[in-house]
Amino acid sequence: MLDANSPIRPSTWDQNAGGEPQLTVTVGLDDPDAEPVRDADSGSVRVGFTSAAKKDVLVVPVGALLALSEGGYALQRPGGRLLPVETGLFAKGRVEVSGPEISEGLRVVTTS
């Protein structure tokens, strides 16, 4: 059994008949006698998994990325100049960016 802090590796996956990886997760309540859940016999839950996390990275809204015709992405400065960027993780409407001219506090154009 995995707990909430266990890393998920391919060796912990089960293979179903279609060959797709599956992971069995047991969900429990911190306080099963709490009034909102005490008499519940069914309901829906939302489960999220963090597949990767990074600290101390620069992020911009995804709407700030411009796809370049030659491939890759850039950020646009308020004056119109394009700065090529490398992208990293995408999450919650933001994307990790890096590049030689990318630094904290850099002002860029984005969609509203």
PDB file of N, CA and C in Angstrom:
ATOM      1  N   MET A   1       0.845  -1.170   0.000  1.00  0.00           N
ATOM      2  CA  MET A   1       0.000   0.000   0.000  1.00  0.00           C
ATOM      3  C   MET A   1       0.891   1.234   0.000  1.00  0.00           C
ATOM      4  N   LEU A   2       0.462   2.275  -0.718  1.00  0.00           N
ATOM      5  CA  LEU A   2       1.189   3.531  -0.775  1.00  0.00           C
ATOM      6  C   LEU A   2       0.531   4.542   0.135  1.00  0.00           C
ATOM      7  N   ASP A   3       1.322   5.378   0.767  1.00  0.00           N
ATOM      8  CA  ASP A   3       0.709   6.480   1.494  1.00  0.00           C
ATOM      9  C   ASP A   3       0.787   7.735   0.636  1.00  0.00           C
ATOM     10  N   ALA A   4       0.240   8.824   1.112  1.00  0.00           N
ATOM     11  CA  ALA A   4       0.134  10.045   0.310  1.00  0.00           C
ATOM     12  C   ALA A   4       1.491  10.611  -0.084  1.00  0.00           C
ATOM     13  N   ASN A   5       2.537  10.257   0.618  1.00  0.00           N
ATOM     14  CA  ASN A   5       3.850  10.803   0.314  1.00  0.00           C
ATOM     15  C   ASN A   5       4.753   9.829  -0.435  1.00  0.00           C
ATOM     16  N   SER A   6       4.232   8.670  -0.804  1.00  0.00           N
ATOM     17  CA  SER A   6       5.044   7.687  -1.516  1.00  0.00           C
ATOM     18  C   SER A   6       5.232   8.080  -2.968  1.00  0.00           C
ATOM     19  N   PRO A   7       6.458   8.000  -3.482  1.00  0.00           N
ATOM     20  CA  PRO A   7       6.636   8.238  -4.917  1.00  0.00           C
ATOM     21  C   PRO A   7       6.007   7.100  -5.709  1.00  0.00           C
ATOM     22  N   ILE A   8       5.426   7.431  -6.848  1.00  0.00           N
ATOM     23  CA  ILE A   8       4.803   6.413  -7.697  1.00  0.00           C
ATOM     24  C   ILE A   8       5.773   6.093  -8.820  1.00  0.00           C
ATOM     25  N   ARG A   9       6.209   4.868  -8.863  1.00  0.00           N
ATOM     26  CA  ARG A   9       7.150   4.414  -9.880  1.00  0.00           C
ATOM     27  C   ARG A   9       6.482   3.317 -10.698  1.00  0.00           C
ATOM     28  N   PRO A  10       6.929   3.117 -11.947  1.00  0.00           N
ATOM     29  CA  PRO A  10       6.314   2.066 -12.767  1.00  0.00           C
ATOM     30  C   PRO A  10       6.256   0.713 -12.081  1.00  0.00           C
ATOM     31  N   SER A  11       7.193   0.403 -11.218  1.00  0.00           N
ATOM     32  CA  SER A  11       7.188  -0.901 -10.557  1.00  0.00           C
ATOM     33  C   SER A  11       6.025  -1.042  -9.578  1.00  0.00           C
ATOM     34  N   THR A  12       5.379   0.072  -9.178  1.00  0.00           N
ATOM     35  CA  THR A  12       4.246  -0.005  -8.260  1.00  0.00           C
ATOM     36  C   THR A  12       2.918  -0.041  -8.999  1.00  0.00           C
ATOM     37  N   TRP A  13       2.929   0.041 -10.329  1.00  0.00           N
ATOM     38  CA  TRP A  13       1.702   0.019 -11.120  1.00  0.00           C
ATOM     39  C   TRP A  13       1.240  -1.411 -11.344  1.00  0.00           C
ATOM     40  N   ASP A  14      -0.065  -1.575 -11.468  1.00  0.00           N
ATOM     41  CA  ASP A  14      -0.650  -2.845 -11.885  1.00  0.00           C
ATOM     42  C   ASP A  14      -0.958  -2.732 -13.371  1.00  0.00           C
ATOM     43  N   GLN A  15      -0.830  -3.803 -14.089  1.00  0.00           N
ATOM     44  CA  GLN A  15      -1.173  -3.806 -15.512  1.00  0.00           C
ATOM     45  C   GLN A  15      -2.552  -4.427 -15.668  1.00  0.00           C
ATOM     46  N   ASN A  16      -3.478  -3.718 -16.336  1.00  0.00           N
ATOM     47  CA  ASN A  16      -4.785  -4.311 -16.587  1.00  0.00           C
ATOM     48  C   ASN A  16      -4.744  -5.052 -17.916  1.00  0.00           C
ATOM     49  N   ALA A  17      -5.879  -5.591 -18.342  1.00  0.00           N
ATOM     50  CA  ALA A  17      -5.934  -6.396 -19.567  1.00  0.00           C
ATOM     51  C   ALA A  17      -5.483  -5.603 -20.791  1.00  0.00           C
ATOM     52  N   GLY A  18      -5.723  -4.285 -20.809  1.00  0.00           N
ATOM     53  CA  GLY A  18      -5.335  -3.458 -21.951  1.00  0.00           C
ATOM     54  C   GLY A  18      -3.883  -3.028 -21.904  1.00  0.00           C
ATOM     55  N   GLY A  19      -3.186  -3.383 -20.853  1.00  0.00           N
ATOM     56  CA  GLY A  19      -1.783  -3.027 -20.749  1.00  0.00           C
ATOM     57  C   GLY A  19      -1.523  -1.625 -20.216  1.00  0.00           C
ATOM     58  N   GLU A  20      -2.577  -0.875 -19.917  1.00  0.00           N
ATOM     59  CA  GLU A  20      -2.395   0.476 -19.389  1.00  0.00           C
ATOM     60  C   GLU A  20      -2.046   0.407 -17.907  1.00  0.00           C
ATOM     61  N   PRO A  21      -1.126   1.240 -17.446  1.00  0.00           N
ATOM     62  CA  PRO A  21      -0.793   1.234 -16.019  1.00  0.00           C
ATOM     63  C   PRO A  21      -1.986   1.676 -15.179  1.00  0.00           C
ATOM     64  N   GLN A  22      -2.179   1.043 -14.055  1.00  0.00           N
ATOM     65  CA  GLN A  22      -3.211   1.420 -13.100  1.00  0.00           C
ATOM     66  C   GLN A  22      -2.597   1.444 -11.719  1.00  0.00           C
ATOM     67  N   LEU A  23      -3.105   2.313 -10.897  1.00  0.00           N
ATOM     68  CA  LEU A  23      -2.657   2.405  -9.522  1.00  0.00           C
ATOM     69  C   LEU A  23      -3.882   2.368  -8.632  1.00  0.00           C
ATOM     70  N   THR A  24      -3.927   1.450  -7.686  1.00  0.00           N
ATOM     71  CA  THR A  24      -5.045   1.367  -6.752  1.00  0.00           C
ATOM     72  C   THR A  24      -4.747   2.283  -5.579  1.00  0.00           C
ATOM     73  N   VAL A  25      -5.701   3.157  -5.270  1.00  0.00           N
ATOM     74  CA  VAL A  25      -5.544   4.119  -4.185  1.00  0.00           C
ATOM     75  C   VAL A  25      -6.673   3.924  -3.192  1.00  0.00           C
ATOM     76  N   THR A  26      -6.342   3.846  -1.925  1.00  0.00           N
ATOM     77  CA  THR A  26      -7.345   3.753  -0.871  1.00  0.00           C
ATOM     78  C   THR A  26      -7.511   5.130  -0.260  1.00  0.00           C
ATOM     79  N   VAL A  27      -8.749   5.629  -0.255  1.00  0.00           N
ATOM     80  CA  VAL A  27      -9.041   6.958   0.291  1.00  0.00           C
ATOM     81  C   VAL A  27      -9.746   6.783   1.619  1.00  0.00           C
ATOM     82  N   GLY A  28      -9.293   7.500   2.624  1.00  0.00           N
ATOM     83  CA  GLY A  28      -9.916   7.436   3.938  1.00  0.00           C
ATOM     84  C   GLY A  28     -10.230   8.831   4.441  1.00  0.00           C
ATOM     85  N   LEU A  29     -11.076   8.918   5.425  1.00  0.00           N
ATOM     86  CA  LEU A  29     -11.461  10.195   6.009  1.00  0.00           C
ATOM     87  C   LEU A  29     -10.710  10.424   7.307  1.00  0.00           C
ATOM     88  N   ASP A  30     -10.296  11.674   7.531  1.00  0.00           N
ATOM     89  CA  ASP A  30      -9.642  12.007   8.787  1.00  0.00           C
ATOM     90  C   ASP A  30     -10.603  11.838   9.954  1.00  0.00           C
ATOM     91  N   ASP A  31     -11.863  12.220   9.736  1.00  0.00           N
ATOM     92  CA  ASP A  31     -12.863  12.135  10.798  1.00  0.00           C
ATOM     93  C   ASP A  31     -14.158  11.571  10.215  1.00  0.00           C
ATOM     94  N   PRO A  32     -14.287  10.235  10.130  1.00  0.00           N
ATOM     95  CA  PRO A  32     -15.473   9.639   9.522  1.00  0.00           C
ATOM     96  C   PRO A  32     -16.757   9.895  10.303  1.00  0.00           C
ATOM     97  N   ASP A  33     -16.654  10.383  11.536  1.00  0.00           N
ATOM     98  CA  ASP A  33     -17.848  10.680  12.322  1.00  0.00           C
ATOM     99  C   ASP A  33     -18.264  12.142  12.216  1.00  0.00           C
ATOM    100  N   ALA A  34     -17.590  12.932  11.389  1.00  0.00           N
ATOM    101  CA  ALA A  34     -17.959  14.334  11.216  1.00  0.00           C
ATOM    102  C   ALA A  34     -19.346  14.421  10.597  1.00  0.00           C
ATOM    103  N   GLU A  35     -20.138  15.405  11.006  1.00  0.00           N
ATOM    104  CA  GLU A  35     -21.527  15.522  10.567  1.00  0.00           C
ATOM    105  C   GLU A  35     -21.718  15.499   9.048  1.00  0.00           C
ATOM    106  N   PRO A  36     -20.902  16.203   8.248  1.00  0.00           N
ATOM    107  CA  PRO A  36     -21.155  16.191   6.803  1.00  0.00           C
ATOM    108  C   PRO A  36     -21.034  14.815   6.156  1.00  0.00           C
ATOM    109  N   VAL A  37     -20.309  13.885   6.774  1.00  0.00           N
ATOM    110  CA  VAL A  37     -20.113  12.577   6.147  1.00  0.00           C
ATOM    111  C   VAL A  37     -20.691  11.419   6.955  1.00  0.00           C
ATOM    112  N   ARG A  38     -21.129  11.681   8.143  1.00  0.00           N
ATOM    113  CA  ARG A  38     -21.579  10.613   9.035  1.00  0.00           C
ATOM    114  C   ARG A  38     -22.668   9.749   8.404  1.00  0.00           C
ATOM    115  N   ASP A  39     -23.665  10.352   7.768  1.00  0.00           N
ATOM    116  CA  ASP A  39     -24.782   9.592   7.214  1.00  0.00           C
ATOM    117  C   ASP A  39     -24.659   9.373   5.704  1.00  0.00           C
ATOM    118  N   ALA A  40     -23.558   9.753   5.117  1.00  0.00           N
ATOM    119  CA  ALA A  40     -23.388   9.593   3.666  1.00  0.00           C
ATOM    120  C   ALA A  40     -23.104   8.140   3.325  1.00  0.00           C
ATOM    121  N   ASP A  41     -23.735   7.642   2.277  1.00  0.00           N
ATOM    122  CA  ASP A  41     -23.431   6.288   1.824  1.00  0.00           C
ATOM    123  C   ASP A  41     -22.794   6.290   0.442  1.00  0.00           C
ATOM    124  N   SER A  42     -22.718   7.464  -0.177  1.00  0.00           N
ATOM    125  CA  SER A  42     -22.019   7.587  -1.449  1.00  0.00           C
ATOM    126  C   SER A  42     -21.697   9.059  -1.680  1.00  0.00           C
ATOM    127  N   GLY A  43     -20.872   9.318  -2.623  1.00  0.00           N
ATOM    128  CA  GLY A  43     -20.502  10.685  -2.952  1.00  0.00           C
ATOM    129  C   GLY A  43     -19.328  10.695  -3.895  1.00  0.00           C
ATOM    130  N   SER A  44     -19.018  11.847  -4.392  1.00  0.00           N
ATOM    131  CA  SER A  44     -17.884  11.954  -5.296  1.00  0.00           C
ATOM    132  C   SER A  44     -16.699  12.573  -4.558  1.00  0.00           C
ATOM    133  N   VAL A  45     -15.536  12.255  -5.030  1.00  0.00           N
ATOM    134  CA  VAL A  45     -14.312  12.827  -4.480  1.00  0.00           C
ATOM    135  C   VAL A  45     -13.446  13.313  -5.621  1.00  0.00           C
ATOM    136  N   ARG A  46     -12.602  14.241  -5.327  1.00  0.00           N
ATOM    137  CA  ARG A  46     -11.631  14.723  -6.299  1.00  0.00           C
ATOM    138  C   ARG A  46     -10.248  14.379  -5.762  1.00  0.00           C
ATOM    139  N   VAL A  47      -9.467  13.703  -6.570  1.00  0.00           N
ATOM    140  CA  VAL A  47      -8.128  13.292  -6.167  1.00  0.00           C
ATOM    141  C   VAL A  47      -7.133  13.904  -7.130  1.00  0.00           C
ATOM    142  N   GLY A  48      -6.108  14.502  -6.612  1.00  0.00           N
ATOM    143  CA  GLY A  48      -5.068  15.079  -7.453  1.00  0.00           C
ATOM    144  C   GLY A  48      -3.729  14.436  -7.146  1.00  0.00           C
ATOM    145  N   PHE A  49      -2.914  14.317  -8.160  1.00  0.00           N
ATOM    146  CA  PHE A  49      -1.576  13.758  -8.009  1.00  0.00           C
ATOM    147  C   PHE A  49      -0.560  14.761  -8.527  1.00  0.00           C
ATOM    148  N   THR A  50       0.485  14.939  -7.801  1.00  0.00           N
ATOM    149  CA  THR A  50       1.581  15.768  -8.259  1.00  0.00           C
ATOM    150  C   THR A  50       2.581  14.853  -8.922  1.00  0.00           C
ATOM    151  N   SER A  51       2.776  15.042 -10.234  1.00  0.00           N
ATOM    152  CA  SER A  51       3.702  14.178 -10.960  1.00  0.00           C
ATOM    153  C   SER A  51       5.129  14.693 -10.887  1.00  0.00           C
ATOM    154  N   ALA A  52       5.280  15.988 -10.680  1.00  0.00           N
ATOM    155  CA  ALA A  52       6.607  16.579 -10.547  1.00  0.00           C
ATOM    156  C   ALA A  52       6.454  17.924  -9.851  1.00  0.00           C
ATOM    157  N   ALA A  53       7.484  18.360  -9.181  1.00  0.00           N
ATOM    158  CA  ALA A  53       7.473  19.655  -8.518  1.00  0.00           C
ATOM    159  C   ALA A  53       8.875  20.233  -8.563  1.00  0.00           C
ATOM    160  N   LYS A  54       8.949  21.538  -8.702  1.00  0.00           N
ATOM    161  CA  LYS A  54      10.231  22.229  -8.696  1.00  0.00           C
ATOM    162  C   LYS A  54      10.102  23.473  -7.839  1.00  0.00           C
ATOM    163  N   LYS A  55      11.197  23.879  -7.241  1.00  0.00           N
ATOM    164  CA  LYS A  55      11.234  25.101  -6.449  1.00  0.00           C
ATOM    165  C   LYS A  55      12.171  26.086  -7.131  1.00  0.00           C
ATOM    166  N   ASP A  56      11.955  27.358  -6.829  1.00  0.00           N
ATOM    167  CA  ASP A  56      12.833  28.424  -7.296  1.00  0.00           C
ATOM    168  C   ASP A  56      12.964  28.453  -8.818  1.00  0.00           C
ATOM    169  N   VAL A  57      11.824  28.390  -9.510  1.00  0.00           N
ATOM    170  CA  VAL A  57      11.817  28.522 -10.967  1.00  0.00           C
ATOM    171  C   VAL A  57      11.016  29.764 -11.332  1.00  0.00           C
ATOM    172  N   LEU A  58      11.210  30.253 -12.532  1.00  0.00           N
ATOM    173  CA  LEU A  58      10.443  31.391 -13.026  1.00  0.00           C
ATOM    174  C   LEU A  58       9.246  30.866 -13.799  1.00  0.00           C
ATOM    175  N   VAL A  59       8.076  31.437 -13.543  1.00  0.00           N
ATOM    176  CA  VAL A  59       6.867  31.026 -14.246  1.00  0.00           C
ATOM    177  C   VAL A  59       6.169  32.253 -14.819  1.00  0.00           C
ATOM    178  N   VAL A  60       5.429  32.014 -15.897  1.00  0.00           N
ATOM    179  CA  VAL A  60       4.590  33.042 -16.516  1.00  0.00           C
ATOM    180  C   VAL A  60       3.240  32.408 -16.818  1.00  0.00           C
ATOM    181  N   PRO A  61       2.204  33.219 -17.030  1.00  0.00           N
ATOM    182  CA  PRO A  61       0.934  32.640 -17.482  1.00  0.00           C
ATOM    183  C   PRO A  61       1.134  31.968 -18.836  1.00  0.00           C
ATOM    184  N   VAL A  62       0.444  30.851 -19.071  1.00  0.00           N
ATOM    185  CA  VAL A  62       0.567  30.140 -20.343  1.00  0.00           C
ATOM    186  C   VAL A  62       0.251  31.082 -21.504  1.00  0.00           C
ATOM    187  N   GLY A  63      -0.662  32.031 -21.299  1.00  0.00           N
ATOM    188  CA  GLY A  63      -1.031  32.990 -22.340  1.00  0.00           C
ATOM    189  C   GLY A  63       0.101  33.913 -22.753  1.00  0.00           C
ATOM    190  N   ALA A  64       1.209  33.936 -22.027  1.00  0.00           N
ATOM    191  CA  ALA A  64       2.352  34.759 -22.403  1.00  0.00           C
ATOM    192  C   ALA A  64       3.240  34.064 -23.433  1.00  0.00           C
ATOM    193  N   LEU A  65       3.060  32.759 -23.618  1.00  0.00           N
ATOM    194  CA  LEU A  65       3.889  32.026 -24.585  1.00  0.00           C
ATOM    195  C   LEU A  65       3.451  32.318 -26.011  1.00  0.00           C
ATOM    196  N   LEU A  66       4.417  32.561 -26.861  1.00  0.00           N
ATOM    197  CA  LEU A  66       4.171  32.692 -28.301  1.00  0.00           C
ATOM    198  C   LEU A  66       4.866  31.534 -28.995  1.00  0.00           C
ATOM    199  N   ALA A  67       4.129  30.799 -29.825  1.00  0.00           N
ATOM    200  CA  ALA A  67       4.738  29.712 -30.601  1.00  0.00           C
ATOM    201  C   ALA A  67       5.504  30.339 -31.758  1.00  0.00           C
ATOM    202  N   LEU A  68       6.742  29.928 -31.938  1.00  0.00           N
ATOM    203  CA  LEU A  68       7.568  30.447 -33.025  1.00  0.00           C
ATOM    204  C   LEU A  68       7.419  29.578 -34.265  1.00  0.00           C
ATOM    205  N   SER A  69       7.421  30.196 -35.448  1.00  0.00           N
ATOM    206  CA  SER A  69       7.250  29.434 -36.690  1.00  0.00           C
ATOM    207  C   SER A  69       8.384  28.436 -36.899  1.00  0.00           C
ATOM    208  N   GLU A  70       9.558  28.737 -36.398  1.00  0.00           N
ATOM    209  CA  GLU A  70      10.693  27.821 -36.531  1.00  0.00           C
ATOM    210  C   GLU A  70      10.712  26.759 -35.439  1.00  0.00           C
ATOM    211  N   GLY A  71       9.719  26.794 -34.573  1.00  0.00           N
ATOM    212  CA  GLY A  71       9.625  25.841 -33.469  1.00  0.00           C
ATOM    213  C   GLY A  71      10.042  26.490 -32.171  1.00  0.00           C
ATOM    214  N   GLY A  72       9.548  25.975 -31.099  1.00  0.00           N
ATOM    215  CA  GLY A  72       9.866  26.517 -29.790  1.00  0.00           C
ATOM    216  C   GLY A  72       8.927  27.648 -29.410  1.00  0.00           C
ATOM    217  N   TYR A  73       9.291  28.340 -28.332  1.00  0.00           N
ATOM    218  CA  TYR A  73       8.446  29.394 -27.791  1.00  0.00           C
ATOM    219  C   TYR A  73       9.254  30.628 -27.462  1.00  0.00           C
ATOM    220  N   ALA A  74       8.538  31.758 -27.336  1.00  0.00           N
ATOM    221  CA  ALA A  74       9.157  33.016 -26.944  1.00  0.00           C
ATOM    222  C   ALA A  74       8.192  33.782 -26.061  1.00  0.00           C
ATOM    223  N   LEU A  75       8.741  34.749 -25.342  1.00  0.00           N
ATOM    224  CA  LEU A  75       7.958  35.731 -24.610  1.00  0.00           C
ATOM    225  C   LEU A  75       8.137  37.057 -25.315  1.00  0.00           C
ATOM    226  N   GLN A  76       7.076  37.864 -25.316  1.00  0.00           N
ATOM    227  CA  GLN A  76       7.151  39.168 -25.970  1.00  0.00           C
ATOM    228  C   GLN A  76       7.292  40.263 -24.926  1.00  0.00           C
ATOM    229  N   ARG A  77       8.286  41.128 -25.113  1.00  0.00           N
ATOM    230  CA  ARG A  77       8.481  42.291 -24.243  1.00  0.00           C
ATOM    231  C   ARG A  77       7.460  43.353 -24.623  1.00  0.00           C
ATOM    232  N   PRO A  78       7.118  44.295 -23.742  1.00  0.00           N
ATOM    233  CA  PRO A  78       6.144  45.333 -24.067  1.00  0.00           C
ATOM    234  C   PRO A  78       6.485  46.120 -25.341  1.00  0.00           C
ATOM    235  N   GLY A  79       7.748  46.268 -25.680  1.00  0.00           N
ATOM    236  CA  GLY A  79       8.149  46.976 -26.905  1.00  0.00           C
ATOM    237  C   GLY A  79       8.038  46.125 -28.161  1.00  0.00           C
ATOM    238  N   GLY A  80       7.716  44.845 -28.019  1.00  0.00           N
ATOM    239  CA  GLY A  80       7.544  43.962 -29.167  1.00  0.00           C
ATOM    240  C   GLY A  80       8.667  42.960 -29.377  1.00  0.00           C
ATOM    241  N   ARG A  81       9.807  43.147 -28.738  1.00  0.00           N
ATOM    242  CA  ARG A  81      10.944  42.233 -28.897  1.00  0.00           C
ATOM    243  C   ARG A  81      10.585  40.852 -28.355  1.00  0.00           C
ATOM    244  N   LEU A  82      10.993  39.813 -29.095  1.00  0.00           N
ATOM    245  CA  LEU A  82      10.739  38.435 -28.679  1.00  0.00           C
ATOM    246  C   LEU A  82      11.978  37.847 -28.012  1.00  0.00           C
ATOM    247  N   LEU A  83      11.757  37.158 -26.902  1.00  0.00           N
ATOM    248  CA  LEU A  83      12.838  36.495 -26.177  1.00  0.00           C
ATOM    249  C   LEU A  83      12.571  34.990 -26.209  1.00  0.00           C
ATOM    250  N   PRO A  84      13.433  34.209 -26.886  1.00  0.00           N
ATOM    251  CA  PRO A  84      13.237  32.746 -26.907  1.00  0.00           C
ATOM    252  C   PRO A  84      13.334  32.177 -25.496  1.00  0.00           C
ATOM    253  N   VAL A  85      12.509  31.176 -25.215  1.00  0.00           N
ATOM    254  CA  VAL A  85      12.520  30.530 -23.896  1.00  0.00           C
ATOM    255  C   VAL A  85      12.462  29.021 -24.060  1.00  0.00           C
ATOM    256  N   GLU A  86      12.959  28.349 -23.058  1.00  0.00           N
ATOM    257  CA  GLU A  86      12.769  26.909 -22.899  1.00  0.00           C
ATOM    258  C   GLU A  86      11.641  26.755 -21.893  1.00  0.00           C
ATOM    259  N   THR A  87      10.718  25.848 -22.176  1.00  0.00           N
ATOM    260  CA  THR A  87       9.615  25.629 -21.243  1.00  0.00           C
ATOM    261  C   THR A  87       9.887  24.398 -20.386  1.00  0.00           C
ATOM    262  N   GLY A  88       9.282  24.416 -19.215  1.00  0.00           N
ATOM    263  CA  GLY A  88       9.398  23.282 -18.303  1.00  0.00           C
ATOM    264  C   GLY A  88       8.016  22.781 -17.943  1.00  0.00           C
ATOM    265  N   LEU A  89       7.756  22.667 -16.659  1.00  0.00           N
ATOM    266  CA  LEU A  89       6.478  22.155 -16.181  1.00  0.00           C
ATOM    267  C   LEU A  89       5.341  23.134 -16.443  1.00  0.00           C
ATOM    268  N   PHE A  90       4.174  22.594 -16.787  1.00  0.00           N
ATOM    269  CA  PHE A  90       2.943  23.366 -16.931  1.00  0.00           C
ATOM    270  C   PHE A  90       2.028  22.969 -15.784  1.00  0.00           C
ATOM    271  N   ALA A  91       1.409  23.946 -15.095  1.00  0.00           N
ATOM    272  CA  ALA A  91       0.456  23.632 -14.029  1.00  0.00           C
ATOM    273  C   ALA A  91      -0.382  24.856 -13.704  1.00  0.00           C
ATOM    274  N   LYS A  92      -1.673  24.632 -13.540  1.00  0.00           N
ATOM    275  CA  LYS A  92      -2.603  25.663 -13.087  1.00  0.00           C
ATOM    276  C   LYS A  92      -2.497  26.949 -13.892  1.00  0.00           C
ATOM    277  N   GLY A  93      -2.399  26.830 -15.207  1.00  0.00           N
ATOM    278  CA  GLY A  93      -2.382  28.004 -16.069  1.00  0.00           C
ATOM    279  C   GLY A  93      -1.058  28.731 -16.128  1.00  0.00           C
ATOM    280  N   ARG A  94      -0.027  28.129 -15.587  1.00  0.00           N
ATOM    281  CA  ARG A  94       1.314  28.743 -15.599  1.00  0.00           C
ATOM    282  C   ARG A  94       2.314  27.762 -16.200  1.00  0.00           C
ATOM    283  N   VAL A  95       3.420  28.306 -16.671  1.00  0.00           N
ATOM    284  CA  VAL A  95       4.455  27.475 -17.269  1.00  0.00           C
ATOM    285  C   VAL A  95       5.828  27.961 -16.796  1.00  0.00           C
ATOM    286  N   GLU A  96       6.676  27.018 -16.519  1.00  0.00           N
ATOM    287  CA  GLU A  96       8.061  27.315 -16.145  1.00  0.00           C
ATOM    288  C   GLU A  96       8.813  27.757 -17.393  1.00  0.00           C
ATOM    289  N   VAL A  97       9.584  28.834 -17.294  1.00  0.00           N
ATOM    290  CA  VAL A  97      10.376  29.320 -18.428  1.00  0.00           C
ATOM    291  C   VAL A  97      11.801  29.607 -17.991  1.00  0.00           C
ATOM    292  N   SER A  98      12.717  29.440 -18.942  1.00  0.00           N
ATOM    293  CA  SER A  98      14.116  29.789 -18.695  1.00  0.00           C
ATOM    294  C   SER A  98      14.735  30.220 -20.012  1.00  0.00           C
ATOM    295  N   GLY A  99      15.795  30.940 -19.907  1.00  0.00           N
ATOM    296  CA  GLY A  99      16.526  31.405 -21.083  1.00  0.00           C
ATOM    297  C   GLY A  99      17.566  32.427 -20.670  1.00  0.00           C
ATOM    298  N   PRO A 100      18.504  32.737 -21.577  1.00  0.00           N
ATOM    299  CA  PRO A 100      19.590  33.637 -21.221  1.00  0.00           C
ATOM    300  C   PRO A 100      19.134  35.039 -20.826  1.00  0.00           C
ATOM    301  N   GLU A 101      18.021  35.507 -21.346  1.00  0.00           N
ATOM    302  CA  GLU A 101      17.568  36.865 -21.036  1.00  0.00           C
ATOM    303  C   GLU A 101      16.350  36.880 -20.110  1.00  0.00           C
ATOM    304  N   ILE A 102      16.044  35.747 -19.511  1.00  0.00           N
ATOM    305  CA  ILE A 102      14.875  35.635 -18.650  1.00  0.00           C
ATOM    306  C   ILE A 102      15.313  35.772 -17.196  1.00  0.00           C
ATOM    307  N   SER A 103      14.692  36.709 -16.481  1.00  0.00           N
ATOM    308  CA  SER A 103      15.032  36.912 -15.079  1.00  0.00           C
ATOM    309  C   SER A 103      13.800  37.341 -14.308  1.00  0.00           C
ATOM    310  N   GLU A 104      13.870  37.193 -13.015  1.00  0.00           N
ATOM    311  CA  GLU A 104      12.773  37.587 -12.151  1.00  0.00           C
ATOM    312  C   GLU A 104      12.443  39.057 -12.355  1.00  0.00           C
ATOM    313  N   GLY A 105      11.153  39.383 -12.438  1.00  0.00           N
ATOM    314  CA  GLY A 105      10.707  40.766 -12.588  1.00  0.00           C
ATOM    315  C   GLY A 105      10.593  41.237 -14.032  1.00  0.00           C
ATOM    316  N   LEU A 106      10.991  40.397 -14.981  1.00  0.00           N
ATOM    317  CA  LEU A 106      10.915  40.744 -16.408  1.00  0.00           C
ATOM    318  C   LEU A 106       9.458  40.969 -16.794  1.00  0.00           C
ATOM    319  N   ARG A 107       9.167  42.083 -17.441  1.00  0.00           N
ATOM    320  CA  ARG A 107       7.793  42.372 -17.863  1.00  0.00           C
ATOM    321  C   ARG A 107       7.585  41.821 -19.259  1.00  0.00           C
ATOM    322  N   VAL A 108       6.489  41.063 -19.427  1.00  0.00           N
ATOM    323  CA  VAL A 108       6.163  40.472 -20.718  1.00  0.00           C
ATOM    324  C   VAL A 108       4.689  40.696 -21.026  1.00  0.00           C
ATOM    325  N   VAL A 109       4.355  40.596 -22.303  1.00  0.00           N
ATOM    326  CA  VAL A 109       2.969  40.721 -22.766  1.00  0.00           C
ATOM    327  C   VAL A 109       2.279  39.367 -22.591  1.00  0.00           C
ATOM    328  N   THR A 110       1.015  39.402 -22.169  1.00  0.00           N
ATOM    329  CA  THR A 110       0.240  38.177 -22.036  1.00  0.00           C
ATOM    330  C   THR A 110      -1.199  38.446 -22.440  1.00  0.00           C
ATOM    331  N   THR A 111      -1.959  37.388 -22.669  1.00  0.00           N
ATOM    332  CA  THR A 111      -3.374  37.543 -22.985  1.00  0.00           C
ATOM    333  C   THR A 111      -4.125  37.938 -21.719  1.00  0.00           C
ATOM    334  N   SER A 112      -5.279  38.541 -21.904  1.00  0.00           N
ATOM    335  CA  SER A 112      -6.046  38.976 -20.713  1.00  0.00           C
ATOM    336  C   SER A 112      -7.033  37.925 -20.285  1.00  0.00           C
TER     337      SER A 112
END
